[in-house]
Amino acid sequence: AKHNDHQRRFPTHVADVAVVCRQISEHAVSEQEGDRQRAVCGLLHWSGSECFTKYGMAKKMAEVFGLQSNHLEAVKDAPGGAPRPYDCQLDCSVLEKLALGQRTPFGEGIKLSLEKFIKK
């Protein structure tokens, strides 16, 4: 199976996004209660911190579930079709400076998400 090994991605677990949304909401409430020094405004980003390509994610999934990966093939060229950025990393610095956020390691998150579908 061929997988792109060119474009950089930063997979984010949906539970982490939910935590960040809750934290932002709680933070907004504390702002209304007088903590203006910690005001949050503008565009906010959140993503995982681990860099993977699609090929790297497939290899990691095989490792996590104890599956063979010798059939996986890395494709080093940029894919065709609609243009996509080489590096999809988001700037999460606003939330990080406020000590908001949570990041689940990819291997842990993918196991939580898919283990019920893996036949033993």
PDB file of N, CA and C in Angstrom:
ATOM      1  N   ALA A   1       0.852  -1.184   0.000  1.00  0.00           N
ATOM      2  CA  ALA A   1       0.000   0.000   0.000  1.00  0.00           C
ATOM      3  C   ALA A   1       0.891   1.238   0.000  1.00  0.00           C
ATOM      4  N   LYS A   2       0.625   2.130  -0.930  1.00  0.00           N
ATOM      5  CA  LYS A   2       1.417   3.355  -1.055  1.00  0.00           C
ATOM      6  C   LYS A   2       0.810   4.463  -0.198  1.00  0.00           C
ATOM      7  N   HIS A   3       1.685   5.162   0.520  1.00  0.00           N
ATOM      8  CA  HIS A   3       1.253   6.264   1.373  1.00  0.00           C
ATOM      9  C   HIS A   3       2.194   7.447   1.187  1.00  0.00           C
ATOM     10  N   ASN A   4       1.630   8.631   1.190  1.00  0.00           N
ATOM     11  CA  ASN A   4       2.416   9.846   1.031  1.00  0.00           C
ATOM     12  C   ASN A   4       3.405   9.992   2.182  1.00  0.00           C
ATOM     13  N   ASP A   5       4.660  10.215   1.836  1.00  0.00           N
ATOM     14  CA  ASP A   5       5.713  10.439   2.830  1.00  0.00           C
ATOM     15  C   ASP A   5       6.387  11.780   2.557  1.00  0.00           C
ATOM     16  N   HIS A   6       5.583  12.729   2.108  1.00  0.00           N
ATOM     17  CA  HIS A   6       6.102  14.047   1.743  1.00  0.00           C
ATOM     18  C   HIS A   6       5.514  15.135   2.640  1.00  0.00           C
ATOM     19  N   GLN A   7       4.207  15.203   2.718  1.00  0.00           N
ATOM     20  CA  GLN A   7       3.549  16.285   3.448  1.00  0.00           C
ATOM     21  C   GLN A   7       3.543  16.024   4.950  1.00  0.00           C
ATOM     22  N   ARG A   8       3.882  17.069   5.689  1.00  0.00           N
ATOM     23  CA  ARG A   8       3.958  16.984   7.150  1.00  0.00           C
ATOM     24  C   ARG A   8       2.601  17.318   7.765  1.00  0.00           C
ATOM     25  N   ARG A   9       2.180  16.477   8.697  1.00  0.00           N
ATOM     26  CA  ARG A   9       0.892  16.661   9.365  1.00  0.00           C
ATOM     27  C   ARG A   9       1.101  16.559  10.876  1.00  0.00           C
ATOM     28  N   PHE A  10       0.171  17.111  11.608  1.00  0.00           N
ATOM     29  CA  PHE A  10       0.237  17.113  13.071  1.00  0.00           C
ATOM     30  C   PHE A  10      -1.105  16.631  13.603  1.00  0.00           C
ATOM     31  N   PRO A  11      -1.312  15.309  13.605  1.00  0.00           N
ATOM     32  CA  PRO A  11      -2.617  14.761  13.976  1.00  0.00           C
ATOM     33  C   PRO A  11      -3.023  15.173  15.392  1.00  0.00           C
ATOM     34  N   THR A  12      -4.318  15.428  15.537  1.00  0.00           N
ATOM     35  CA  THR A  12      -4.874  15.924  16.785  1.00  0.00           C
ATOM     36  C   THR A  12      -6.029  15.026  17.210  1.00  0.00           C
ATOM     37  N   HIS A  13      -5.982  14.555  18.433  1.00  0.00           N
ATOM     38  CA  HIS A  13      -7.051  13.706  18.951  1.00  0.00           C
ATOM     39  C   HIS A  13      -8.268  14.569  19.255  1.00  0.00           C
ATOM     40  N   VAL A  14      -9.442  14.102  18.882  1.00  0.00           N
ATOM     41  CA  VAL A  14     -10.670  14.877  19.064  1.00  0.00           C
ATOM     42  C   VAL A  14     -10.927  15.186  20.539  1.00  0.00           C
ATOM     43  N   ALA A  15     -10.529  14.297  21.438  1.00  0.00           N
ATOM     44  CA  ALA A  15     -10.706  14.574  22.874  1.00  0.00           C
ATOM     45  C   ALA A  15      -9.877  15.782  23.301  1.00  0.00           C
ATOM     46  N   ASP A  16      -8.715  15.960  22.681  1.00  0.00           N
ATOM     47  CA  ASP A  16      -7.881  17.126  22.994  1.00  0.00           C
ATOM     48  C   ASP A  16      -8.560  18.414  22.524  1.00  0.00           C
ATOM     49  N   VAL A  17      -9.192  18.369  21.371  1.00  0.00           N
ATOM     50  CA  VAL A  17      -9.918  19.536  20.862  1.00  0.00           C
ATOM     51  C   VAL A  17     -11.064  19.878  21.810  1.00  0.00           C
ATOM     52  N   ALA A  18     -11.770  18.854  22.291  1.00  0.00           N
ATOM     53  CA  ALA A  18     -12.872  19.084  23.234  1.00  0.00           C
ATOM     54  C   ALA A  18     -12.361  19.727  24.522  1.00  0.00           C
ATOM     55  N   VAL A  19     -11.232  19.248  25.033  1.00  0.00           N
ATOM     56  CA  VAL A  19     -10.652  19.819  26.254  1.00  0.00           C
ATOM     57  C   VAL A  19     -10.281  21.277  26.033  1.00  0.00           C
ATOM     58  N   VAL A  20      -9.661  21.573  24.909  1.00  0.00           N
ATOM     59  CA  VAL A  20      -9.259  22.950  24.619  1.00  0.00           C
ATOM     60  C   VAL A  20     -10.484  23.857  24.506  1.00  0.00           C
ATOM     61  N   CYS A  21     -11.530  23.379  23.854  1.00  0.00           N
ATOM     62  CA  CYS A  21     -12.758  24.185  23.737  1.00  0.00           C
ATOM     63  C   CYS A  21     -13.341  24.478  25.118  1.00  0.00           C
ATOM     64  N   ARG A  22     -13.383  23.462  25.976  1.00  0.00           N
ATOM     65  CA  ARG A  22     -13.880  23.667  27.335  1.00  0.00           C
ATOM     66  C   ARG A  22     -12.992  24.661  28.086  1.00  0.00           C
ATOM     67  N   GLN A  23     -11.679  24.510  27.967  1.00  0.00           N
ATOM     68  CA  GLN A  23     -10.753  25.409  28.662  1.00  0.00           C
ATOM     69  C   GLN A  23     -10.903  26.850  28.178  1.00  0.00           C
ATOM     70  N   ILE A  24     -11.090  27.037  26.891  1.00  0.00           N
ATOM     71  CA  ILE A  24     -11.288  28.395  26.356  1.00  0.00           C
ATOM     72  C   ILE A  24     -12.573  28.988  26.925  1.00  0.00           C
ATOM     73  N   SER A  25     -13.625  28.184  26.984  1.00  0.00           N
ATOM     74  CA  SER A  25     -14.891  28.660  27.550  1.00  0.00           C
ATOM     75  C   SER A  25     -14.734  29.038  29.014  1.00  0.00           C
ATOM     76  N   GLU A  26     -14.081  28.185  29.776  1.00  0.00           N
ATOM     77  CA  GLU A  26     -13.845  28.480  31.189  1.00  0.00           C
ATOM     78  C   GLU A  26     -12.987  29.735  31.347  1.00  0.00           C
ATOM     79  N   HIS A  27     -12.024  29.869  30.483  1.00  0.00           N
ATOM     80  CA  HIS A  27     -11.143  31.040  30.498  1.00  0.00           C
ATOM     81  C   HIS A  27     -11.944  32.314  30.204  1.00  0.00           C
ATOM     82  N   ALA A  28     -12.853  32.230  29.241  1.00  0.00           N
ATOM     83  CA  ALA A  28     -13.690  33.391  28.900  1.00  0.00           C
ATOM     84  C   ALA A  28     -14.551  33.803  30.086  1.00  0.00           C
ATOM     85  N   VAL A  29     -15.070  32.841  30.820  1.00  0.00           N
ATOM     86  CA  VAL A  29     -15.876  33.134  32.009  1.00  0.00           C
ATOM     87  C   VAL A  29     -15.012  33.838  33.055  1.00  0.00           C
ATOM     88  N   SER A  30     -13.774  33.369  33.249  1.00  0.00           N
ATOM     89  CA  SER A  30     -12.899  34.008  34.237  1.00  0.00           C
ATOM     90  C   SER A  30     -12.552  35.431  33.809  1.00  0.00           C
ATOM     91  N   GLU A  31     -12.471  35.685  32.496  1.00  0.00           N
ATOM     92  CA  GLU A  31     -12.237  37.050  31.996  1.00  0.00           C
ATOM     93  C   GLU A  31     -13.389  37.960  32.389  1.00  0.00           C
ATOM     94  N   GLN A  32     -14.603  37.450  32.236  1.00  0.00           N
ATOM     95  CA  GLN A  32     -15.784  38.247  32.574  1.00  0.00           C
ATOM     96  C   GLN A  32     -15.851  38.533  34.065  1.00  0.00           C
ATOM     97  N   GLU A  33     -15.207  37.696  34.833  1.00  0.00           N
ATOM     98  CA  GLU A  33     -15.197  37.880  36.281  1.00  0.00           C
ATOM     99  C   GLU A  33     -14.029  38.757  36.730  1.00  0.00           C
ATOM    100  N   GLY A  34     -13.319  39.366  35.789  1.00  0.00           N
ATOM    101  CA  GLY A  34     -12.321  40.361  36.148  1.00  0.00           C
ATOM    102  C   GLY A  34     -10.873  40.043  35.827  1.00  0.00           C
ATOM    103  N   ASP A  35     -10.565  38.885  35.309  1.00  0.00           N
ATOM    104  CA  ASP A  35      -9.177  38.535  35.016  1.00  0.00           C
ATOM    105  C   ASP A  35      -8.818  38.972  33.591  1.00  0.00           C
ATOM    106  N   ARG A  36      -8.773  40.265  33.348  1.00  0.00           N
ATOM    107  CA  ARG A  36      -8.544  40.805  31.998  1.00  0.00           C
ATOM    108  C   ARG A  36      -7.107  40.598  31.504  1.00  0.00           C
ATOM    109  N   GLN A  37      -6.162  40.365  32.391  1.00  0.00           N
ATOM    110  CA  GLN A  37      -4.779  40.164  31.970  1.00  0.00           C
ATOM    111  C   GLN A  37      -4.627  38.885  31.161  1.00  0.00           C
ATOM    112  N   ARG A  38      -5.552  37.989  31.307  1.00  0.00           N
ATOM    113  CA  ARG A  38      -5.486  36.720  30.592  1.00  0.00           C
ATOM    114  C   ARG A  38      -6.501  36.665  29.447  1.00  0.00           C
ATOM    115  N   ALA A  39      -6.861  37.807  28.904  1.00  0.00           N
ATOM    116  CA  ALA A  39      -7.872  37.869  27.842  1.00  0.00           C
ATOM    117  C   ALA A  39      -7.417  37.075  26.608  1.00  0.00           C
ATOM    118  N   VAL A  40      -8.378  36.399  26.007  1.00  0.00           N
ATOM    119  CA  VAL A  40      -8.127  35.646  24.787  1.00  0.00           C
ATOM    120  C   VAL A  40      -9.008  36.234  23.697  1.00  0.00           C
ATOM    121  N   CYS A  41      -8.389  36.590  22.585  1.00  0.00           N
ATOM    122  CA  CYS A  41      -9.176  37.069  21.453  1.00  0.00           C
ATOM    123  C   CYS A  41      -8.426  36.734  20.174  1.00  0.00           C
ATOM    124  N   GLY A  42      -9.121  36.807  19.086  1.00  0.00           N
ATOM    125  CA  GLY A  42      -8.504  36.512  17.800  1.00  0.00           C
ATOM    126  C   GLY A  42      -8.703  35.066  17.397  1.00  0.00           C
ATOM    127  N   LEU A  43      -7.934  34.650  16.435  1.00  0.00           N
ATOM    128  CA  LEU A  43      -8.009  33.299  15.895  1.00  0.00           C
ATOM    129  C   LEU A  43      -7.130  32.378  16.729  1.00  0.00           C
ATOM    130  N   LEU A  44      -7.702  31.298  17.216  1.00  0.00           N
ATOM    131  CA  LEU A  44      -6.974  30.352  18.057  1.00  0.00           C
ATOM    132  C   LEU A  44      -6.823  29.020  17.332  1.00  0.00           C
ATOM    133  N   HIS A  45      -5.627  28.451  17.425  1.00  0.00           N
ATOM    134  CA  HIS A  45      -5.347  27.162  16.790  1.00  0.00           C
ATOM    135  C   HIS A  45      -4.955  26.148  17.840  1.00  0.00           C
ATOM    136  N   TRP A  46      -5.263  24.887  17.557  1.00  0.00           N
ATOM    137  CA  TRP A  46      -4.773  23.796  18.387  1.00  0.00           C
ATOM    138  C   TRP A  46      -4.516  22.590  17.504  1.00  0.00           C
ATOM    139  N   SER A  47      -3.413  21.928  17.729  1.00  0.00           N
ATOM    140  CA  SER A  47      -3.120  20.693  17.007  1.00  0.00           C
ATOM    141  C   SER A  47      -2.134  19.874  17.817  1.00  0.00           C
ATOM    142  N   GLY A  48      -1.956  18.644  17.379  1.00  0.00           N
ATOM    143  CA  GLY A  48      -0.957  17.794  18.005  1.00  0.00           C
ATOM    144  C   GLY A  48       0.434  18.366  17.783  1.00  0.00           C
ATOM    145  N   SER A  49       1.385  17.913  18.565  1.00  0.00           N
ATOM    146  CA  SER A  49       2.751  18.423  18.440  1.00  0.00           C
ATOM    147  C   SER A  49       3.680  17.454  17.722  1.00  0.00           C
ATOM    148  N   GLU A  50       3.209  16.225  17.481  1.00  0.00           N
ATOM    149  CA  GLU A  50       4.035  15.235  16.797  1.00  0.00           C
ATOM    150  C   GLU A  50       3.859  15.354  15.286  1.00  0.00           C
ATOM    151  N   CYS A  51       4.967  15.378  14.582  1.00  0.00           N
ATOM    152  CA  CYS A  51       4.943  15.499  13.123  1.00  0.00           C
ATOM    153  C   CYS A  51       4.968  14.105  12.484  1.00  0.00           C
ATOM    154  N   PHE A  52       4.021  13.884  11.577  1.00  0.00           N
ATOM    155  CA  PHE A  52       3.943  12.628  10.838  1.00  0.00           C
ATOM    156  C   PHE A  52       3.587  12.929   9.384  1.00  0.00           C
ATOM    157  N   THR A  53       3.987  12.026   8.510  1.00  0.00           N
ATOM    158  CA  THR A  53       3.424  11.978   7.163  1.00  0.00           C
ATOM    159  C   THR A  53       2.345  10.894   7.203  1.00  0.00           C
ATOM    160  N   LYS A  54       1.584  10.762   6.133  1.00  0.00           N
ATOM    161  CA  LYS A  54       0.594   9.675   6.104  1.00  0.00           C
ATOM    162  C   LYS A  54       1.290   8.321   6.224  1.00  0.00           C
ATOM    163  N   TYR A  55       2.439   8.202   5.582  1.00  0.00           N
ATOM    164  CA  TYR A  55       3.223   6.967   5.680  1.00  0.00           C
ATOM    165  C   TYR A  55       3.655   6.730   7.131  1.00  0.00           C
ATOM    166  N   GLY A  56       4.141   7.766   7.789  1.00  0.00           N
ATOM    167  CA  GLY A  56       4.562   7.656   9.183  1.00  0.00           C
ATOM    168  C   GLY A  56       3.417   7.261  10.099  1.00  0.00           C
ATOM    169  N   MET A  57       2.228   7.800   9.837  1.00  0.00           N
ATOM    170  CA  MET A  57       1.059   7.424  10.631  1.00  0.00           C
ATOM    171  C   MET A  57       0.710   5.954  10.421  1.00  0.00           C
ATOM    172  N   ALA A  58       0.769   5.491   9.177  1.00  0.00           N
ATOM    173  CA  ALA A  58       0.458   4.084   8.883  1.00  0.00           C
ATOM    174  C   ALA A  58       1.469   3.159   9.574  1.00  0.00           C
ATOM    175  N   LYS A  59       2.745   3.528   9.549  1.00  0.00           N
ATOM    176  CA  LYS A  59       3.776   2.731  10.221  1.00  0.00           C
ATOM    177  C   LYS A  59       3.534   2.697  11.732  1.00  0.00           C
ATOM    178  N   LYS A  60       3.185   3.842  12.305  1.00  0.00           N
ATOM    179  CA  LYS A  60       2.931   3.922  13.744  1.00  0.00           C
ATOM    180  C   LYS A  60       1.716   3.083  14.123  1.00  0.00           C
ATOM    181  N   MET A  61       0.670   3.118  13.306  1.00  0.00           N
ATOM    182  CA  MET A  61      -0.512   2.304  13.578  1.00  0.00           C
ATOM    183  C   MET A  61      -0.160   0.819  13.556  1.00  0.00           C
ATOM    184  N   ALA A  62       0.645   0.414  12.587  1.00  0.00           N
ATOM    185  CA  ALA A  62       1.066  -0.989  12.520  1.00  0.00           C
ATOM    186  C   ALA A  62       1.846  -1.358  13.784  1.00  0.00           C
ATOM    187  N   GLU A  63       2.725  -0.468  14.219  1.00  0.00           N
ATOM    188  CA  GLU A  63       3.509  -0.716  15.433  1.00  0.00           C
ATOM    189  C   GLU A  63       2.597  -0.840  16.664  1.00  0.00           C
ATOM    190  N   VAL A  64       1.675   0.098  16.820  1.00  0.00           N
ATOM    191  CA  VAL A  64       0.776   0.118  17.983  1.00  0.00           C
ATOM    192  C   VAL A  64      -0.058  -1.155  18.071  1.00  0.00           C
ATOM    193  N   PHE A  65      -0.509  -1.647  16.925  1.00  0.00           N
ATOM    194  CA  PHE A  65      -1.393  -2.817  16.924  1.00  0.00           C
ATOM    195  C   PHE A  65      -0.667  -4.132  16.638  1.00  0.00           C
ATOM    196  N   GLY A  66       0.663  -4.072  16.568  1.00  0.00           N
ATOM    197  CA  GLY A  66       1.428  -5.290  16.341  1.00  0.00           C
ATOM    198  C   GLY A  66       1.179  -5.911  14.986  1.00  0.00           C
ATOM    199  N   LEU A  67       0.975  -5.072  13.969  1.00  0.00           N
ATOM    200  CA  LEU A  67       0.678  -5.551  12.621  1.00  0.00           C
ATOM    201  C   LEU A  67       1.918  -5.439  11.734  1.00  0.00           C
ATOM    202  N   GLN A  68       1.943  -6.237  10.692  1.00  0.00           N
ATOM    203  CA  GLN A  68       3.025  -6.157   9.717  1.00  0.00           C
ATOM    204  C   GLN A  68       2.977  -4.805   9.001  1.00  0.00           C
ATOM    205  N   SER A  69       4.126  -4.282   8.664  1.00  0.00           N
ATOM    206  CA  SER A  69       4.170  -3.008   7.925  1.00  0.00           C
ATOM    207  C   SER A  69       5.056  -3.101   6.692  1.00  0.00           C
ATOM    208  N   ASN A  70       5.577  -4.293   6.392  1.00  0.00           N
ATOM    209  CA  ASN A  70       6.488  -4.419   5.249  1.00  0.00           C
ATOM    210  C   ASN A  70       5.794  -4.203   3.908  1.00  0.00           C
ATOM    211  N   HIS A  71       4.470  -4.194   3.891  1.00  0.00           N
ATOM    212  CA  HIS A  71       3.737  -3.942   2.648  1.00  0.00           C
ATOM    213  C   HIS A  71       3.520  -2.438   2.410  1.00  0.00           C
ATOM    214  N   LEU A  72       3.851  -1.614   3.406  1.00  0.00           N
ATOM    215  CA  LEU A  72       3.661  -0.169   3.270  1.00  0.00           C
ATOM    216  C   LEU A  72       4.813   0.423   2.468  1.00  0.00           C
ATOM    217  N   GLU A  73       4.468   1.283   1.543  1.00  0.00           N
ATOM    218  CA  GLU A  73       5.468   1.884   0.663  1.00  0.00           C
ATOM    219  C   GLU A  73       5.385   3.410   0.766  1.00  0.00           C
ATOM    220  N   ALA A  74       6.532   4.034   1.012  1.00  0.00           N
ATOM    221  CA  ALA A  74       6.601   5.487   1.117  1.00  0.00           C
ATOM    222  C   ALA A  74       6.666   6.118  -0.264  1.00  0.00           C
ATOM    223  N   VAL A  75       5.806   7.096  -0.507  1.00  0.00           N
ATOM    224  CA  VAL A  75       5.825   7.868  -1.749  1.00  0.00           C
ATOM    225  C   VAL A  75       6.368   9.248  -1.397  1.00  0.00           C
ATOM    226  N   LYS A  76       7.567   9.547  -1.890  1.00  0.00           N
ATOM    227  CA  LYS A  76       8.268  10.777  -1.508  1.00  0.00           C
ATOM    228  C   LYS A  76       7.824  12.014  -2.292  1.00  0.00           C
ATOM    229  N   ASP A  77       7.142  11.828  -3.404  1.00  0.00           N
ATOM    230  CA  ASP A  77       6.722  12.963  -4.232  1.00  0.00           C
ATOM    231  C   ASP A  77       5.468  13.616  -3.686  1.00  0.00           C
ATOM    232  N   ALA A  78       5.312  14.898  -3.972  1.00  0.00           N
ATOM    233  CA  ALA A  78       4.082  15.598  -3.607  1.00  0.00           C
ATOM    234  C   ALA A  78       2.924  14.958  -4.374  1.00  0.00           C
ATOM    235  N   PRO A  79       1.781  14.770  -3.708  1.00  0.00           N
ATOM    236  CA  PRO A  79       0.655  14.133  -4.393  1.00  0.00           C
ATOM    237  C   PRO A  79       0.036  15.054  -5.441  1.00  0.00           C
ATOM    238  N   GLY A  80      -0.636  14.452  -6.400  1.00  0.00           N
ATOM    239  CA  GLY A  80      -1.348  15.221  -7.410  1.00  0.00           C
ATOM    240  C   GLY A  80      -2.687  15.695  -6.870  1.00  0.00           C
ATOM    241  N   GLY A  81      -3.500  16.228  -7.730  1.00  0.00           N
ATOM    242  CA  GLY A  81      -4.820  16.698  -7.307  1.00  0.00           C
ATOM    243  C   GLY A  81      -4.751  18.103  -6.736  1.00  0.00           C
ATOM    244  N   ALA A  82      -5.689  18.406  -5.877  1.00  0.00           N
ATOM    245  CA  ALA A  82      -5.742  19.742  -5.281  1.00  0.00           C
ATOM    246  C   ALA A  82      -4.463  20.011  -4.497  1.00  0.00           C
ATOM    247  N   PRO A  83      -3.877  21.190  -4.666  1.00  0.00           N
ATOM    248  CA  PRO A  83      -2.639  21.498  -3.939  1.00  0.00           C
ATOM    249  C   PRO A  83      -2.876  21.546  -2.434  1.00  0.00           C
ATOM    250  N   ARG A  84      -1.963  20.966  -1.706  1.00  0.00           N
ATOM    251  CA  ARG A  84      -2.011  20.950  -0.251  1.00  0.00           C
ATOM    252  C   ARG A  84      -0.683  21.490   0.270  1.00  0.00           C
ATOM    253  N   PRO A  85      -0.691  22.100   1.450  1.00  0.00           N
ATOM    254  CA  PRO A  85       0.575  22.603   1.984  1.00  0.00           C
ATOM    255  C   PRO A  85       1.521  21.466   2.351  1.00  0.00           C
ATOM    256  N   TYR A  86       2.812  21.739   2.251  1.00  0.00           N
ATOM    257  CA  TYR A  86       3.828  20.758   2.645  1.00  0.00           C
ATOM    258  C   TYR A  86       3.792  20.551   4.154  1.00  0.00           C
ATOM    259  N   ASP A  87       3.655  21.632   4.904  1.00  0.00           N
ATOM    260  CA  ASP A  87       3.689  21.583   6.365  1.00  0.00           C
ATOM    261  C   ASP A  87       2.388  22.165   6.909  1.00  0.00           C
ATOM    262  N   CYS A  88       1.607  21.348   7.580  1.00  0.00           N
ATOM    263  CA  CYS A  88       0.289  21.757   8.083  1.00  0.00           C
ATOM    264  C   CYS A  88       0.311  22.157   9.558  1.00  0.00           C
ATOM    265  N   GLN A  89       1.498  22.469  10.086  1.00  0.00           N
ATOM    266  CA  GLN A  89       1.580  22.821  11.500  1.00  0.00           C
ATOM    267  C   GLN A  89       0.875  24.148  11.762  1.00  0.00           C
ATOM    268  N   LEU A  90       0.071  24.166  12.826  1.00  0.00           N
ATOM    269  CA  LEU A  90      -0.647  25.372  13.236  1.00  0.00           C
ATOM    270  C   LEU A  90       0.127  26.078  14.341  1.00  0.00           C
ATOM    271  N   ASP A  91      -0.048  27.383  14.444  1.00  0.00           N
ATOM    272  CA  ASP A  91       0.575  28.166  15.503  1.00  0.00           C
ATOM    273  C   ASP A  91      -0.337  28.126  16.730  1.00  0.00           C
ATOM    274  N   CYS A  92       0.049  27.369  17.714  1.00  0.00           N
ATOM    275  CA  CYS A  92      -0.750  27.182  18.936  1.00  0.00           C
ATOM    276  C   CYS A  92      -0.231  28.033  20.086  1.00  0.00           C
ATOM    277  N   SER A  93       0.635  28.993  19.796  1.00  0.00           N
ATOM    278  CA  SER A  93       1.347  29.725  20.841  1.00  0.00           C
ATOM    279  C   SER A  93       0.440  30.533  21.765  1.00  0.00           C
ATOM    280  N   VAL A  94      -0.671  31.067  21.259  1.00  0.00           N
ATOM    281  CA  VAL A  94      -1.560  31.860  22.122  1.00  0.00           C
ATOM    282  C   VAL A  94      -2.095  30.989  23.255  1.00  0.00           C
ATOM    283  N   LEU A  95      -2.590  29.814  22.919  1.00  0.00           N
ATOM    284  CA  LEU A  95      -3.135  28.914  23.935  1.00  0.00           C
ATOM    285  C   LEU A  95      -2.034  28.338  24.818  1.00  0.00           C
ATOM    286  N   GLU A  96      -0.882  28.054  24.224  1.00  0.00           N
ATOM    287  CA  GLU A  96       0.235  27.529  25.008  1.00  0.00           C
ATOM    288  C   GLU A  96       0.707  28.549  26.044  1.00  0.00           C
ATOM    289  N   LYS A  97       0.756  29.833  25.682  1.00  0.00           N
ATOM    290  CA  LYS A  97       1.179  30.876  26.627  1.00  0.00           C
ATOM    291  C   LYS A  97       0.217  30.996  27.801  1.00  0.00           C
ATOM    292  N   LEU A  98      -1.030  30.640  27.576  1.00  0.00           N
ATOM    293  CA  LEU A  98      -2.041  30.669  28.640  1.00  0.00           C
ATOM    294  C   LEU A  98      -2.113  29.344  29.400  1.00  0.00           C
ATOM    295  N   ALA A  99      -1.209  28.431  29.055  1.00  0.00           N
ATOM    296  CA  ALA A  99      -1.166  27.098  29.671  1.00  0.00           C
ATOM    297  C   ALA A  99      -2.486  26.348  29.476  1.00  0.00           C
ATOM    298  N   LEU A 100      -3.114  26.565  28.324  1.00  0.00           N
ATOM    299  CA  LEU A 100      -4.324  25.826  27.975  1.00  0.00           C
ATOM    300  C   LEU A 100      -3.942  24.710  27.018  1.00  0.00           C
ATOM    301  N   GLY A 101      -4.750  23.675  27.002  1.00  0.00           N
ATOM    302  CA  GLY A 101      -4.556  22.619  26.023  1.00  0.00           C
ATOM    303  C   GLY A 101      -4.149  21.292  26.622  1.00  0.00           C
ATOM    304  N   GLN A 102      -4.236  20.307  25.773  1.00  0.00           N
ATOM    305  CA  GLN A 102      -3.877  18.928  26.114  1.00  0.00           C
ATOM    306  C   GLN A 102      -3.468  18.264  24.814  1.00  0.00           C
ATOM    307  N   ARG A 103      -2.443  17.442  24.865  1.00  0.00           N
ATOM    308  CA  ARG A 103      -1.997  16.741  23.665  1.00  0.00           C
ATOM    309  C   ARG A 103      -1.821  15.257  23.976  1.00  0.00           C
ATOM    310  N   THR A 104      -2.617  14.454  23.327  1.00  0.00           N
ATOM    311  CA  THR A 104      -2.519  13.005  23.452  1.00  0.00           C
ATOM    312  C   THR A 104      -1.515  12.512  22.417  1.00  0.00           C
ATOM    313  N   PRO A 105      -0.504  11.750  22.821  1.00  0.00           N
ATOM    314  CA  PRO A 105       0.436  11.208  21.832  1.00  0.00           C
ATOM    315  C   PRO A 105      -0.313  10.408  20.765  1.00  0.00           C
ATOM    316  N   PHE A 106       0.157  10.491  19.526  1.00  0.00           N
ATOM    317  CA  PHE A 106      -0.529   9.847  18.409  1.00  0.00           C
ATOM    318  C   PHE A 106      -0.759   8.354  18.656  1.00  0.00           C
ATOM    319  N   GLY A 107       0.277   7.646  19.092  1.00  0.00           N
ATOM    320  CA  GLY A 107       0.134   6.210  19.311  1.00  0.00           C
ATOM    321  C   GLY A 107      -0.948   5.887  20.325  1.00  0.00           C
ATOM    322  N   GLU A 108      -1.006   6.652  21.389  1.00  0.00           N
ATOM    323  CA  GLU A 108      -2.029   6.452  22.419  1.00  0.00           C
ATOM    324  C   GLU A 108      -3.422   6.778  21.877  1.00  0.00           C
ATOM    325  N   GLY A 109      -3.533   7.886  21.165  1.00  0.00           N
ATOM    326  CA  GLY A 109      -4.825   8.304  20.625  1.00  0.00           C
ATOM    327  C   GLY A 109      -5.361   7.356  19.569  1.00  0.00           C
ATOM    328  N   ILE A 110      -4.483   6.878  18.716  1.00  0.00           N
ATOM    329  CA  ILE A 110      -4.939   5.976  17.654  1.00  0.00           C
ATOM    330  C   ILE A 110      -5.361   4.633  18.251  1.00  0.00           C
ATOM    331  N   LYS A 111      -4.673   4.216  19.300  1.00  0.00           N
ATOM    332  CA  LYS A 111      -5.064   2.965  19.967  1.00  0.00           C
ATOM    333  C   LYS A 111      -6.443   3.120  20.604  1.00  0.00           C
ATOM    334  N   LEU A 112      -6.662   4.223  21.325  1.00  0.00           N
ATOM    335  CA  LEU A 112      -7.968   4.471  21.935  1.00  0.00           C
ATOM    336  C   LEU A 112      -9.079   4.517  20.886  1.00  0.00           C
ATOM    337  N   SER A 113      -8.777   5.095  19.734  1.00  0.00           N
ATOM    338  CA  SER A 113      -9.781   5.287  18.694  1.00  0.00           C
ATOM    339  C   SER A 113     -10.097   4.026  17.892  1.00  0.00           C
ATOM    340  N   LEU A 114      -9.104   3.178  17.669  1.00  0.00           N
ATOM    341  CA  LEU A 114      -9.284   2.066  16.733  1.00  0.00           C
ATOM    342  C   LEU A 114      -9.217   0.673  17.319  1.00  0.00           C
ATOM    343  N   GLU A 115      -8.789   0.513  18.572  1.00  0.00           N
ATOM    344  CA  GLU A 115      -8.552  -0.837  19.077  1.00  0.00           C
ATOM    345  C   GLU A 115      -9.788  -1.729  19.037  1.00  0.00           C
ATOM    346  N   LYS A 116     -10.985  -1.153  19.166  1.00  0.00           N
ATOM    347  CA  LYS A 116     -12.180  -1.995  19.134  1.00  0.00           C
ATOM    348  C   LYS A 116     -12.456  -2.574  17.740  1.00  0.00           C
ATOM    349  N   PHE A 117     -11.779  -2.040  16.721  1.00  0.00           N
ATOM    350  CA  PHE A 117     -11.969  -2.523  15.357  1.00  0.00           C
ATOM    351  C   PHE A 117     -10.901  -3.522  14.922  1.00  0.00           C
ATOM    352  N   ILE A 118      -9.887  -3.728  15.748  1.00  0.00           N
ATOM    353  CA  ILE A 118      -8.791  -4.623  15.406  1.00  0.00           C
ATOM    354  C   ILE A 118      -9.122  -6.034  15.866  1.00  0.00           C
ATOM    355  N   LYS A 119      -9.068  -6.969  14.941  1.00  0.00           N
ATOM    356  CA  LYS A 119      -9.335  -8.380  15.266  1.00  0.00           C
ATOM    357  C   LYS A 119      -8.091  -8.979  15.883  1.00  0.00           C
ATOM    358  N   LYS A 120      -8.283  -9.663  16.968  1.00  0.00           N
ATOM    359  CA  LYS A 120      -7.129 -10.269  17.665  1.00  0.00           C
ATOM    360  C   LYS A 120      -6.927 -11.690  17.219  1.00  0.00           C
TER     361      LYS A 120
END
